[in-house]
Amino acid sequence: MSSQNGDKARYGRLRKKKIARRVRHRELRKSLVKPVEPVAATA
């Protein structure tokens, strides 16, 4: 870490990590959700 650059590199890594995690979780949730078939009422 330099005095001119600060924590730019670390924040860039954290940002990419957060974005990747959100995408991964979105895909996981999409794969877990199964379409629910409506149950016919018997009356």
N, C-alpha and C. Protein backbone atom coordinates (compact mmCIF):
# COMPACT_ATOMS: atom_id res chain seq x y z
N MET A 1 0.85 -1.17 0.00
CA MET A 1 0.00 0.00 0.00
C MET A 1 0.90 1.23 0.00
N SER A 2 0.70 2.10 -0.95
CA SER A 2 1.50 3.31 -1.01
C SER A 2 0.68 4.48 -0.49
N SER A 3 1.36 5.55 -0.14
CA SER A 3 0.64 6.71 0.39
C SER A 3 -0.20 7.38 -0.71
N GLN A 4 0.23 7.25 -1.98
CA GLN A 4 -0.54 7.85 -3.08
C GLN A 4 -1.75 6.99 -3.44
N ASN A 5 -1.56 5.68 -3.41
CA ASN A 5 -2.59 4.77 -3.90
C ASN A 5 -3.61 4.40 -2.84
N GLY A 6 -3.23 4.46 -1.59
CA GLY A 6 -4.16 4.12 -0.52
C GLY A 6 -4.58 2.67 -0.59
N ASP A 7 -5.86 2.42 -0.33
CA ASP A 7 -6.38 1.05 -0.31
C ASP A 7 -7.15 0.70 -1.58
N LYS A 8 -6.84 1.38 -2.67
CA LYS A 8 -7.60 1.15 -3.91
C LYS A 8 -7.61 -0.32 -4.32
N ALA A 9 -6.46 -0.97 -4.24
CA ALA A 9 -6.36 -2.36 -4.68
C ALA A 9 -7.23 -3.25 -3.80
N ARG A 10 -7.18 -3.01 -2.48
CA ARG A 10 -7.96 -3.85 -1.57
C ARG A 10 -9.44 -3.63 -1.78
N TYR A 11 -9.85 -2.38 -1.93
CA TYR A 11 -11.28 -2.11 -2.12
C TYR A 11 -11.77 -2.67 -3.45
N GLY A 12 -10.91 -2.67 -4.47
CA GLY A 12 -11.28 -3.27 -5.74
C GLY A 12 -11.51 -4.76 -5.61
N ARG A 13 -10.61 -5.42 -4.85
CA ARG A 13 -10.77 -6.86 -4.62
C ARG A 13 -12.04 -7.15 -3.85
N LEU A 14 -12.30 -6.37 -2.80
CA LEU A 14 -13.51 -6.59 -2.00
C LEU A 14 -14.76 -6.38 -2.84
N ARG A 15 -14.73 -5.36 -3.70
CA ARG A 15 -15.88 -5.06 -4.55
C ARG A 15 -16.17 -6.22 -5.49
N LYS A 16 -15.11 -6.74 -6.13
CA LYS A 16 -15.27 -7.87 -7.04
C LYS A 16 -15.79 -9.09 -6.31
N LYS A 17 -15.29 -9.30 -5.08
CA LYS A 17 -15.70 -10.44 -4.27
C LYS A 17 -17.19 -10.35 -3.94
N LYS A 18 -17.64 -9.14 -3.56
CA LYS A 18 -19.05 -8.94 -3.21
C LYS A 18 -19.95 -9.17 -4.42
N ILE A 19 -19.53 -8.64 -5.58
CA ILE A 19 -20.32 -8.80 -6.80
C ILE A 19 -20.42 -10.28 -7.17
N ALA A 20 -19.29 -10.99 -7.10
CA ALA A 20 -19.27 -12.42 -7.43
C ALA A 20 -20.17 -13.19 -6.48
N ARG A 21 -20.16 -12.81 -5.20
CA ARG A 21 -20.99 -13.50 -4.21
C ARG A 21 -22.47 -13.28 -4.51
N ARG A 22 -22.83 -12.05 -4.86
CA ARG A 22 -24.24 -11.77 -5.19
C ARG A 22 -24.69 -12.57 -6.40
N VAL A 23 -23.85 -12.66 -7.42
CA VAL A 23 -24.19 -13.41 -8.63
C VAL A 23 -24.34 -14.89 -8.31
N ARG A 24 -23.40 -15.41 -7.51
CA ARG A 24 -23.44 -16.82 -7.13
C ARG A 24 -24.70 -17.13 -6.33
N HIS A 25 -25.05 -16.27 -5.39
CA HIS A 25 -26.26 -16.49 -4.59
C HIS A 25 -27.52 -16.39 -5.44
N ARG A 26 -27.52 -15.46 -6.39
CA ARG A 26 -28.67 -15.31 -7.27
C ARG A 26 -28.89 -16.59 -8.08
N GLU A 27 -27.80 -17.15 -8.62
CA GLU A 27 -27.90 -18.38 -9.40
C GLU A 27 -28.36 -19.54 -8.52
N LEU A 28 -27.85 -19.61 -7.31
CA LEU A 28 -28.22 -20.68 -6.39
C LEU A 28 -29.71 -20.61 -6.06
N ARG A 29 -30.19 -19.40 -5.74
CA ARG A 29 -31.61 -19.24 -5.43
C ARG A 29 -32.48 -19.59 -6.62
N LYS A 30 -32.02 -19.20 -7.82
CA LYS A 30 -32.78 -19.50 -9.02
C LYS A 30 -32.89 -21.00 -9.24
N SER A 31 -31.81 -21.74 -8.93
CA SER A 31 -31.83 -23.19 -9.12
C SER A 31 -32.66 -23.89 -8.05
N LEU A 32 -32.77 -23.29 -6.86
CA LEU A 32 -33.51 -23.92 -5.77
C LEU A 32 -35.02 -23.72 -5.87
N VAL A 33 -35.43 -22.61 -6.47
CA VAL A 33 -36.86 -22.32 -6.56
C VAL A 33 -37.48 -23.22 -7.63
N LYS A 34 -38.45 -24.01 -7.22
CA LYS A 34 -39.13 -24.90 -8.15
C LYS A 34 -40.53 -24.37 -8.39
N PRO A 35 -41.01 -24.41 -9.61
CA PRO A 35 -42.37 -23.94 -9.88
C PRO A 35 -43.39 -24.79 -9.13
N VAL A 36 -44.31 -24.13 -8.44
CA VAL A 36 -45.32 -24.84 -7.66
C VAL A 36 -46.56 -25.03 -8.54
N GLU A 37 -46.99 -26.28 -8.66
CA GLU A 37 -48.18 -26.56 -9.45
C GLU A 37 -49.41 -26.33 -8.57
N PRO A 38 -50.42 -25.66 -9.11
CA PRO A 38 -51.62 -25.42 -8.32
C PRO A 38 -52.36 -26.74 -8.03
N VAL A 39 -52.84 -26.88 -6.82
CA VAL A 39 -53.55 -28.09 -6.41
C VAL A 39 -55.04 -27.89 -6.70
N ALA A 40 -55.62 -28.85 -7.41
CA ALA A 40 -57.04 -28.75 -7.75
C ALA A 40 -57.89 -29.02 -6.51
N ALA A 41 -58.85 -28.16 -6.28
CA ALA A 41 -59.73 -28.32 -5.11
C ALA A 41 -60.75 -29.42 -5.38
N THR A 42 -60.93 -30.31 -4.42
CA THR A 42 -61.90 -31.39 -4.56
C THR A 42 -63.07 -31.11 -3.61
N ALA A 43 -64.11 -30.49 -4.16
CA ALA A 43 -65.26 -30.18 -3.30
C ALA A 43 -66.55 -30.28 -4.09
